[in-house]
Amino acid sequence: MSNPALAVPRIMLPMQGTRTSDAARPIDDAAGRRSRRAGVTLFRNGFRPFFFGAGVWAVIAMAVRIAELSGYDVPVYAFHDPTLWHANAFLFGYGGAVVAGFALTAIPNWTGRLPIAGGPLAALFALWLAGRIALFMPQLPATVTMAIDVAFLPVLAGVAAREIIAGKNLRNIPVCLAIALLGTANIVLHLEALDVIPQERYGVRIGIAVLIGLMGLIGGRIVPSFTTNWLARHNKPRLAPTVAVVERLTHASTGAAFLLWIAFPYSPFAGAALLLASTAHAVRLYSWQGWRTLAEPLVLVLHAGYAWIPVGLFLLGTTILLDPAVSSTTLHALTVGAIGTMTLAVMTRATLGHTGRELRASAGTAVLYAAISASAVARVLAGFVPQFGIAFFATAGALWILAFGLFVAIYGPMHLQPRVGETS
């Protein structure tokens, strides 16, 4: 008998333009069971190694960053500029792992094809891991480090494209383009580190823009969907249908704002465009009525994570207009706030659903949600209250490690164990 708790994860990961019927297209049951039960448990589903790896890496990278900023000698950076290492670690290391886990879990639902599993999945994970290790080896030639680190995302984009094309599901090909663009941003960052191109932080800005764009695109599907589902299960009035003009304005204004910001990061036009995009996201978020889900952290956290997008865009746009010199300090509202919170929300929910567990946040999960939200607040305050900047930064780092440490402790065993009801 089917488990009704699994109905939500089946529609959890559709991209724009994907019909629910496409997202929920079932894989042949017998073949799917054989695929899931074959080989090492960690490599039976894409979300398992990559969500687990993302959580572990988030703790390691933040611990290294805190040590470096606390004055300890950290002779492990492959980059001469520790700030570039920090950006690479979180945008392309952590962010790349989460995107991989998301894509490799969603694509079988989109296409009806068997998931990438076993040896091919292990090889893909090893390629991601090699990039993380290479950036801890300053003795390697910089060009070798670059070659190892930048290989993962283009390969992932190619694998995703092959599966989507083979499954004749071309409406989801934009996800491949987004992964490829994220990989391009990483290449640009390395070229800046090598002084091949001027160090203008183009790679960082492109990386942030791609990840926030994905958050907006995916969030626009899953947040109202899960909210409506939860309200329906509790016999509450459902949300009104999304307003098409708001959706179009949100995506168009965000794309235009990020293009201006990438090319002209201190331009008043970029600042004004970011404020317009912030307003569009705020209107969109308000229409989802997140306050009605206070009783369920697993849903509420999606609203809280998405809220950091309009907040971050507002802070970035305002500082560009009023004091461009401090605009970079606002980026953590988008990175720690939006990316950190939204990815944790998706990873926890996906892990519960795809391992056959009840879609309900435990006390530990609620704590990790609170920790990542508080970490984002503290990190933003560190830039605006410089006299307490060190204290706020230390607090933000500790809360980040707490959030992801809890994720690894609570959800790591789920990644390493068979799905509920399956034997090893």
Protein backbone atom coordinates (compact mmCIF):
# COMPACT_ATOMS: atom_id res chain seq x y z
CA MET A 1 0.00 0.00 0.00
CA SER A 2 1.36 3.44 -0.88
CA ASN A 3 2.47 5.77 1.84
CA PRO A 4 0.59 9.10 1.66
CA ALA A 5 3.59 10.86 3.18
CA LEU A 6 5.45 10.22 -0.06
CA ALA A 7 2.99 12.15 -2.19
CA VAL A 8 4.56 15.49 -1.34
CA PRO A 9 8.16 14.56 -2.24
CA ARG A 10 6.87 13.27 -5.59
CA ILE A 11 5.92 16.82 -6.54
CA MET A 12 8.61 18.42 -4.49
CA LEU A 13 11.12 19.28 -7.16
CA PRO A 14 9.39 20.47 -10.34
CA MET A 15 10.99 23.30 -12.25
CA GLN A 16 9.21 26.13 -14.00
CA GLY A 17 7.10 24.81 -16.85
CA THR A 18 6.91 21.30 -15.43
CA ARG A 19 3.46 19.84 -15.05
CA THR A 20 2.73 17.92 -11.89
CA SER A 21 2.14 14.81 -13.97
CA ASP A 22 5.68 15.06 -15.33
CA ALA A 23 7.23 15.59 -11.91
CA ALA A 24 5.31 12.65 -10.50
CA ARG A 25 5.89 10.24 -13.40
CA PRO A 26 6.72 6.97 -11.62
CA ILE A 27 9.75 4.87 -12.34
CA ASP A 28 9.01 1.20 -12.98
CA ASP A 29 8.52 -0.19 -9.47
CA ALA A 30 10.46 -3.43 -9.85
CA ALA A 31 13.40 -1.79 -11.63
CA GLY A 32 13.35 1.09 -9.16
CA ARG A 33 13.48 -1.24 -6.18
CA ARG A 34 16.36 -3.19 -7.70
CA SER A 35 18.23 0.06 -8.39
CA ARG A 36 17.69 1.37 -4.86
CA ARG A 37 18.78 -1.87 -3.21
CA ALA A 38 21.89 -2.40 -5.33
CA GLY A 39 25.31 -1.49 -4.02
CA VAL A 40 26.40 0.75 -1.15
CA THR A 41 23.45 2.53 0.46
CA LEU A 42 25.14 5.94 0.25
CA PHE A 43 25.20 5.71 -3.54
CA ARG A 44 21.65 4.51 -4.16
CA ASN A 45 20.20 8.03 -4.62
CA GLY A 46 21.74 11.32 -5.64
CA PHE A 47 20.61 13.19 -2.53
CA ARG A 48 22.42 10.80 -0.18
CA PRO A 49 26.13 11.48 -0.87
CA PHE A 50 25.69 15.09 -1.93
CA PHE A 51 23.46 16.27 0.91
CA PHE A 52 25.62 14.40 3.39
CA GLY A 53 28.79 15.80 1.81
CA ALA A 54 27.34 19.32 1.75
CA GLY A 55 26.58 19.16 5.47
CA VAL A 56 30.03 17.90 6.43
CA TRP A 57 31.76 20.38 4.14
CA ALA A 58 29.73 23.29 5.53
CA VAL A 59 31.07 22.52 9.01
CA ILE A 60 34.68 22.05 7.87
CA ALA A 61 34.80 25.15 5.69
CA MET A 62 33.30 27.39 8.36
CA ALA A 63 35.68 26.04 11.02
CA VAL A 64 38.64 26.83 8.75
CA ARG A 65 37.30 30.32 8.05
CA ILE A 66 36.81 31.07 11.75
CA ALA A 67 40.33 29.83 12.53
CA GLU A 68 41.82 32.03 9.81
CA LEU A 69 39.95 35.16 10.91
CA SER A 70 40.82 34.45 14.54
CA GLY A 71 44.49 34.90 13.72
CA TYR A 72 45.58 31.29 13.41
CA ASP A 73 48.00 30.39 10.65
CA VAL A 74 46.02 28.33 8.14
CA PRO A 75 48.59 27.25 5.53
CA VAL A 76 46.14 25.16 3.58
CA TYR A 77 44.68 27.60 1.11
CA ALA A 78 45.29 26.93 -2.55
CA PHE A 79 44.35 30.58 -3.18
CA HIS A 80 46.57 33.42 -2.06
CA ASP A 81 43.45 35.35 -1.10
CA PRO A 82 41.58 33.55 1.73
CA THR A 83 38.42 35.44 0.82
CA LEU A 84 38.38 33.76 -2.59
CA TRP A 85 38.85 30.37 -0.92
CA HIS A 86 35.93 31.18 1.36
CA ALA A 87 33.72 32.16 -1.59
CA ASN A 88 34.70 29.07 -3.55
CA ALA A 89 34.12 26.79 -0.57
CA PHE A 90 30.56 27.91 -0.02
CA LEU A 91 29.28 28.94 -3.45
CA PHE A 92 30.78 26.13 -5.52
CA GLY A 93 31.72 23.55 -2.89
CA TYR A 94 28.67 23.61 -0.67
CA GLY A 95 26.34 25.12 -3.27
CA GLY A 96 27.53 22.73 -5.97
CA ALA A 97 26.85 19.71 -3.74
CA VAL A 98 23.34 20.85 -2.88
CA VAL A 99 22.52 21.56 -6.53
CA ALA A 100 23.84 18.11 -7.46
CA GLY A 101 21.76 16.36 -4.80
CA PHE A 102 18.68 18.30 -5.87
CA ALA A 103 19.11 17.72 -9.61
CA LEU A 104 19.99 14.04 -9.38
CA THR A 105 16.95 13.43 -7.18
CA ALA A 106 14.55 15.48 -9.28
CA ILE A 107 15.54 14.34 -12.77
CA PRO A 108 14.27 10.73 -12.42
CA ASN A 109 10.87 12.14 -11.40
CA TRP A 110 10.89 14.50 -14.39
CA THR A 111 11.94 11.88 -16.94
CA GLY A 112 10.75 8.52 -15.63
CA ARG A 113 14.30 7.17 -16.07
CA LEU A 114 16.19 5.23 -13.43
CA PRO A 115 18.31 7.46 -11.17
CA ILE A 116 22.06 7.81 -11.46
CA ALA A 117 23.27 5.35 -8.81
CA GLY A 118 26.09 3.00 -7.87
CA GLY A 119 29.43 3.43 -9.60
CA PRO A 120 28.50 6.44 -11.77
CA LEU A 121 27.13 8.30 -8.74
CA ALA A 122 30.20 7.41 -6.67
CA ALA A 123 32.45 8.69 -9.48
CA LEU A 124 30.54 11.95 -9.65
CA PHE A 125 30.78 12.39 -5.89
CA ALA A 126 34.51 11.59 -6.01
CA LEU A 127 34.96 14.35 -8.59
CA TRP A 128 33.25 16.84 -6.24
CA LEU A 129 35.35 15.60 -3.31
CA ALA A 130 38.57 15.91 -5.33
CA GLY A 131 37.87 19.60 -5.80
CA ARG A 132 37.45 20.10 -2.07
CA ILE A 133 40.71 18.27 -1.33
CA ALA A 134 42.66 20.09 -4.06
CA LEU A 135 41.79 23.45 -2.53
CA PHE A 136 43.44 22.28 0.69
CA MET A 137 46.71 21.53 -1.14
CA PRO A 138 48.69 24.73 -1.80
CA GLN A 139 51.63 22.65 -3.02
CA LEU A 140 49.74 21.80 -6.20
CA PRO A 141 50.30 24.09 -9.20
CA ALA A 142 47.44 26.58 -9.39
CA THR A 143 46.47 25.42 -12.86
CA VAL A 144 46.18 21.82 -11.63
CA THR A 145 44.05 22.94 -8.71
CA MET A 146 41.81 24.84 -11.08
CA ALA A 147 41.46 21.88 -13.45
CA ILE A 148 40.46 19.55 -10.62
CA ASP A 149 38.05 21.95 -8.95
CA VAL A 150 36.21 23.28 -11.99
CA ALA A 151 35.62 19.85 -13.55
CA PHE A 152 32.67 18.83 -11.38
CA LEU A 153 29.94 21.28 -12.38
CA PRO A 154 30.39 20.95 -16.17
CA VAL A 155 30.32 17.15 -15.81
CA LEU A 156 27.18 17.40 -13.67
CA ALA A 157 25.57 19.66 -16.26
CA GLY A 158 26.41 17.13 -18.96
CA VAL A 159 24.99 14.21 -16.98
CA ALA A 160 21.82 16.17 -16.24
CA ALA A 161 21.45 17.18 -19.90
CA ARG A 162 21.91 13.59 -21.08
CA GLU A 163 19.18 12.33 -18.74
CA ILE A 164 16.74 15.12 -19.57
CA ILE A 165 17.25 14.76 -23.33
CA ALA A 166 17.00 10.96 -23.16
CA GLY A 167 13.81 11.31 -21.17
CA LYS A 168 12.41 13.77 -23.74
CA ASN A 169 11.78 16.29 -20.97
CA LEU A 170 13.31 19.33 -22.64
CA ARG A 171 11.18 21.79 -20.68
CA ASN A 172 13.59 21.19 -17.77
CA ILE A 173 16.77 21.78 -19.76
CA PRO A 174 17.16 25.21 -18.05
CA VAL A 175 18.39 23.41 -14.95
CA CYS A 176 21.35 22.17 -16.98
CA LEU A 177 22.04 25.70 -18.18
CA ALA A 178 21.96 26.97 -14.59
CA ILE A 179 24.46 24.31 -13.50
CA ALA A 180 26.70 25.17 -16.44
CA LEU A 181 26.51 28.87 -15.57
CA LEU A 182 27.43 28.08 -11.96
CA GLY A 183 30.41 26.15 -13.29
CA THR A 184 31.36 29.13 -15.46
CA ALA A 185 31.29 31.36 -12.39
CA ASN A 186 33.75 29.02 -10.67
CA ILE A 187 36.08 29.16 -13.68
CA VAL A 188 35.93 32.96 -13.61
CA LEU A 189 36.78 32.95 -9.90
CA HIS A 190 39.84 30.78 -10.54
CA LEU A 191 40.96 33.00 -13.43
CA GLU A 192 40.70 35.99 -11.10
CA ALA A 193 42.76 34.15 -8.48
CA LEU A 194 45.41 33.43 -11.13
CA ASP A 195 45.41 37.12 -12.21
CA VAL A 196 44.51 36.03 -15.72
CA ILE A 197 41.62 38.51 -15.54
CA PRO A 198 41.24 41.46 -13.17
CA GLN A 199 40.10 40.56 -9.65
CA GLU A 200 36.73 42.27 -9.77
CA ARG A 201 34.80 39.47 -8.01
CA TYR A 202 32.83 38.66 -11.16
CA GLY A 203 32.93 34.97 -10.28
CA VAL A 204 31.49 35.59 -6.83
CA ARG A 205 28.68 37.79 -8.13
CA ILE A 206 27.74 35.36 -10.90
CA GLY A 207 27.75 32.48 -8.43
CA ILE A 208 25.49 34.31 -5.98
CA ALA A 209 23.16 35.40 -8.78
CA VAL A 210 22.78 31.85 -10.13
CA LEU A 211 22.09 30.32 -6.72
CA ILE A 212 19.60 33.03 -5.73
CA GLY A 213 17.96 32.68 -9.14
CA LEU A 214 17.53 28.96 -8.50
CA MET A 215 16.16 29.68 -5.02
CA GLY A 216 13.59 32.03 -6.53
CA LEU A 217 12.64 29.63 -9.29
CA ILE A 218 12.40 26.53 -7.13
CA GLY A 219 10.94 28.39 -4.17
CA GLY A 220 8.17 29.70 -6.37
CA ARG A 221 7.11 26.11 -6.97
CA ILE A 222 7.66 24.33 -3.66
CA VAL A 223 6.76 27.00 -1.09
CA PRO A 224 3.15 27.60 -2.22
CA SER A 225 2.73 23.91 -3.11
CA PHE A 226 3.79 22.62 0.30
CA THR A 227 1.89 25.39 2.05
CA THR A 228 -1.30 24.50 0.20
CA ASN A 229 -0.81 20.79 0.89
CA TRP A 230 -0.28 21.42 4.61
CA LEU A 231 -3.31 23.70 4.84
CA ALA A 232 -5.45 21.11 3.04
CA ARG A 233 -4.36 18.33 5.40
CA HIS A 234 -5.44 20.50 8.33
CA ASN A 235 -8.78 21.45 6.76
CA LYS A 236 -7.80 25.08 6.32
CA PRO A 237 -8.63 27.26 3.30
CA ARG A 238 -6.08 26.81 0.55
CA LEU A 239 -3.97 29.56 -0.99
CA ALA A 240 -5.32 31.51 -3.92
CA PRO A 241 -3.67 30.66 -7.27
CA THR A 242 -0.45 32.53 -8.03
CA VAL A 243 -0.84 35.73 -10.01
CA ALA A 244 0.90 35.37 -13.36
CA VAL A 245 1.92 39.01 -13.61
CA VAL A 246 3.63 38.85 -10.19
CA GLU A 247 5.52 35.72 -11.23
CA ARG A 248 6.69 37.26 -14.49
CA LEU A 249 7.68 40.53 -12.83
CA THR A 250 9.59 38.70 -10.11
CA HIS A 251 11.70 36.66 -12.52
CA ALA A 252 12.22 39.49 -15.01
CA SER A 253 13.17 42.10 -12.39
CA THR A 254 15.52 39.69 -10.61
CA GLY A 255 17.28 38.72 -13.82
CA ALA A 256 17.71 42.34 -14.90
CA ALA A 257 18.88 43.42 -11.45
CA PHE A 258 21.50 40.70 -11.25
CA LEU A 259 22.79 41.42 -14.75
CA LEU A 260 23.27 45.08 -13.83
CA TRP A 261 24.86 44.18 -10.50
CA ILE A 262 27.28 41.70 -12.06
CA ALA A 263 28.41 44.18 -14.71
CA PHE A 264 28.19 47.41 -12.67
CA PRO A 265 28.16 46.48 -8.97
CA TYR A 266 28.18 50.06 -7.66
CA SER A 267 25.87 51.63 -10.22
CA PRO A 268 22.77 53.46 -8.94
CA PHE A 269 20.86 51.73 -11.72
CA ALA A 270 21.85 48.37 -10.23
CA GLY A 271 20.78 49.55 -6.79
CA ALA A 272 17.40 50.71 -8.04
CA ALA A 273 16.85 47.48 -9.98
CA LEU A 274 17.67 45.42 -6.89
CA LEU A 275 15.07 47.37 -4.88
CA LEU A 276 12.45 46.68 -7.55
CA ALA A 277 13.30 42.97 -7.49
CA SER A 278 13.12 43.00 -3.69
CA THR A 279 9.61 44.46 -3.82
CA ALA A 280 8.47 41.83 -6.33
CA HIS A 281 9.79 39.00 -4.15
CA ALA A 282 8.16 40.52 -1.05
CA VAL A 283 4.76 40.71 -2.78
CA ARG A 284 5.19 37.13 -3.96
CA LEU A 285 6.12 35.92 -0.47
CA TYR A 286 3.17 37.74 1.12
CA SER A 287 0.76 35.95 -1.21
CA TRP A 288 1.94 32.60 0.20
CA GLN A 289 0.68 33.49 3.71
CA GLY A 290 3.47 31.83 5.63
CA TRP A 291 2.08 33.00 8.97
CA ARG A 292 -0.61 30.34 8.62
CA THR A 293 2.00 27.56 8.93
CA LEU A 294 3.44 28.51 12.33
CA ALA A 295 2.52 25.09 13.70
CA GLU A 296 4.79 23.20 11.27
CA PRO A 297 8.50 24.19 11.17
CA LEU A 298 9.06 22.02 8.09
CA VAL A 299 6.83 24.38 6.09
CA LEU A 300 7.46 27.60 7.98
CA VAL A 301 11.22 27.41 7.37
CA LEU A 302 10.61 27.57 3.61
CA HIS A 303 8.90 30.93 4.07
CA ALA A 304 11.64 32.12 6.44
CA GLY A 305 14.36 31.10 4.01
CA TYR A 306 12.64 32.71 1.05
CA ALA A 307 12.12 35.92 3.08
CA TRP A 308 15.88 36.44 3.06
CA ILE A 309 15.75 36.98 -0.71
CA PRO A 310 13.74 40.25 -0.59
CA VAL A 311 15.60 41.28 2.57
CA GLY A 312 18.99 40.63 0.97
CA LEU A 313 18.09 42.36 -2.28
CA PHE A 314 16.74 45.34 -0.33
CA LEU A 315 19.90 45.66 1.79
CA LEU A 316 22.17 45.29 -1.22
CA GLY A 317 20.24 47.81 -3.29
CA THR A 318 19.99 50.32 -0.45
CA THR A 319 23.69 50.22 0.38
CA ILE A 320 24.63 50.59 -3.27
CA LEU A 321 22.53 53.75 -3.43
CA LEU A 322 23.57 55.20 -0.06
CA ASP A 323 27.04 53.84 0.71
CA PRO A 324 28.52 51.57 -1.98
CA ALA A 325 31.64 50.97 0.13
CA VAL A 326 29.67 48.76 2.54
CA SER A 327 27.46 47.02 -0.03
CA SER A 328 29.52 43.82 0.11
CA THR A 329 28.67 43.41 3.81
CA THR A 330 25.02 42.85 2.91
CA LEU A 331 25.74 39.84 0.71
CA HIS A 332 25.51 37.50 3.69
CA ALA A 333 21.78 38.13 3.85
CA LEU A 334 21.63 36.39 0.48
CA THR A 335 24.30 33.74 1.15
CA VAL A 336 23.91 32.72 4.80
CA GLY A 337 20.27 33.83 4.94
CA ALA A 338 18.62 32.82 1.68
CA ILE A 339 20.97 30.14 0.37
CA GLY A 340 21.83 28.65 3.78
CA THR A 341 18.27 28.51 5.08
CA MET A 342 16.55 27.45 1.86
CA THR A 343 19.04 24.68 1.13
CA LEU A 344 18.76 23.30 4.66
CA ALA A 345 14.98 23.41 4.37
CA VAL A 346 15.04 21.49 1.08
CA MET A 347 17.68 18.98 2.24
CA THR A 348 15.83 18.11 5.43
CA ARG A 349 12.46 17.74 3.74
CA ALA A 350 13.83 15.77 0.78
CA THR A 351 15.76 13.43 3.06
CA LEU A 352 12.68 12.69 5.18
CA GLY A 353 10.44 12.11 2.19
CA HIS A 354 12.81 10.09 0.04
CA THR A 355 13.87 7.81 2.91
CA GLY A 356 10.24 6.98 3.71
CA ARG A 357 9.94 8.96 6.93
CA GLU A 358 7.10 11.13 8.18
CA LEU A 359 7.20 14.71 6.95
CA ARG A 360 7.43 16.29 10.37
CA ALA A 361 10.22 18.35 11.93
CA SER A 362 11.76 16.85 15.06
CA ALA A 363 12.88 19.03 17.96
CA GLY A 364 16.45 18.82 16.69
CA THR A 365 15.37 19.90 13.21
CA ALA A 366 13.52 22.89 14.67
CA VAL A 367 16.71 23.84 16.54
CA LEU A 368 18.86 23.67 13.40
CA TYR A 369 16.32 25.85 11.57
CA ALA A 370 16.50 28.41 14.37
CA ALA A 371 20.31 28.22 14.38
CA ILE A 372 20.73 28.95 10.67
CA SER A 373 18.26 31.85 10.86
CA ALA A 374 20.06 33.33 13.88
CA SER A 375 23.40 32.81 12.13
CA ALA A 376 22.20 34.90 9.19
CA VAL A 377 21.00 37.70 11.47
CA ALA A 378 24.30 37.76 13.39
CA ARG A 379 26.39 37.73 10.20
CA VAL A 380 24.46 40.67 8.73
CA LEU A 381 24.77 42.62 11.98
CA ALA A 382 28.53 42.02 11.96
CA GLY A 383 28.75 44.27 8.91
CA PHE A 384 26.48 47.00 10.24
CA VAL A 385 27.70 47.18 13.84
CA PRO A 386 31.48 47.18 13.39
CA GLN A 387 32.25 47.83 17.05
CA PHE A 388 30.75 44.41 17.81
CA GLY A 389 31.72 42.89 14.48
CA ILE A 390 34.06 40.23 15.89
CA ALA A 391 31.50 39.07 18.45
CA PHE A 392 28.74 38.91 15.86
CA PHE A 393 30.95 37.07 13.40
CA ALA A 394 31.97 34.51 16.02
CA THR A 395 28.33 34.02 16.95
CA ALA A 396 27.31 33.63 13.33
CA GLY A 397 30.04 31.07 12.70
CA ALA A 398 29.20 29.07 15.82
CA LEU A 399 25.50 29.02 14.93
CA TRP A 400 26.29 27.97 11.35
CA ILE A 401 28.38 25.05 12.65
CA LEU A 402 25.60 24.16 15.10
CA ALA A 403 22.99 24.14 12.33
CA PHE A 404 24.98 21.96 9.95
CA GLY A 405 26.43 19.83 12.73
CA LEU A 406 22.86 18.98 13.75
CA PHE A 407 21.97 18.30 10.12
CA VAL A 408 24.82 15.80 9.81
CA ALA A 409 24.01 14.21 13.19
CA ILE A 410 20.27 13.88 12.56
CA TYR A 411 20.09 13.31 8.81
CA GLY A 412 23.48 11.71 8.14
CA PRO A 413 22.32 8.30 9.42
CA MET A 414 19.29 8.55 7.12
CA HIS A 415 21.64 9.02 4.16
CA LEU A 416 23.68 6.00 5.22
CA GLN A 417 20.79 3.66 6.01
CA PRO A 418 18.31 2.00 3.62
CA ARG A 419 14.93 3.54 3.03
CA VAL A 420 12.40 2.70 5.73
CA GLY A 421 10.91 -0.69 4.93
CA GLU A 422 13.80 -1.76 2.69
CA THR A 423 16.54 -4.21 3.59
CA SER A 424 20.21 -3.48 3.06
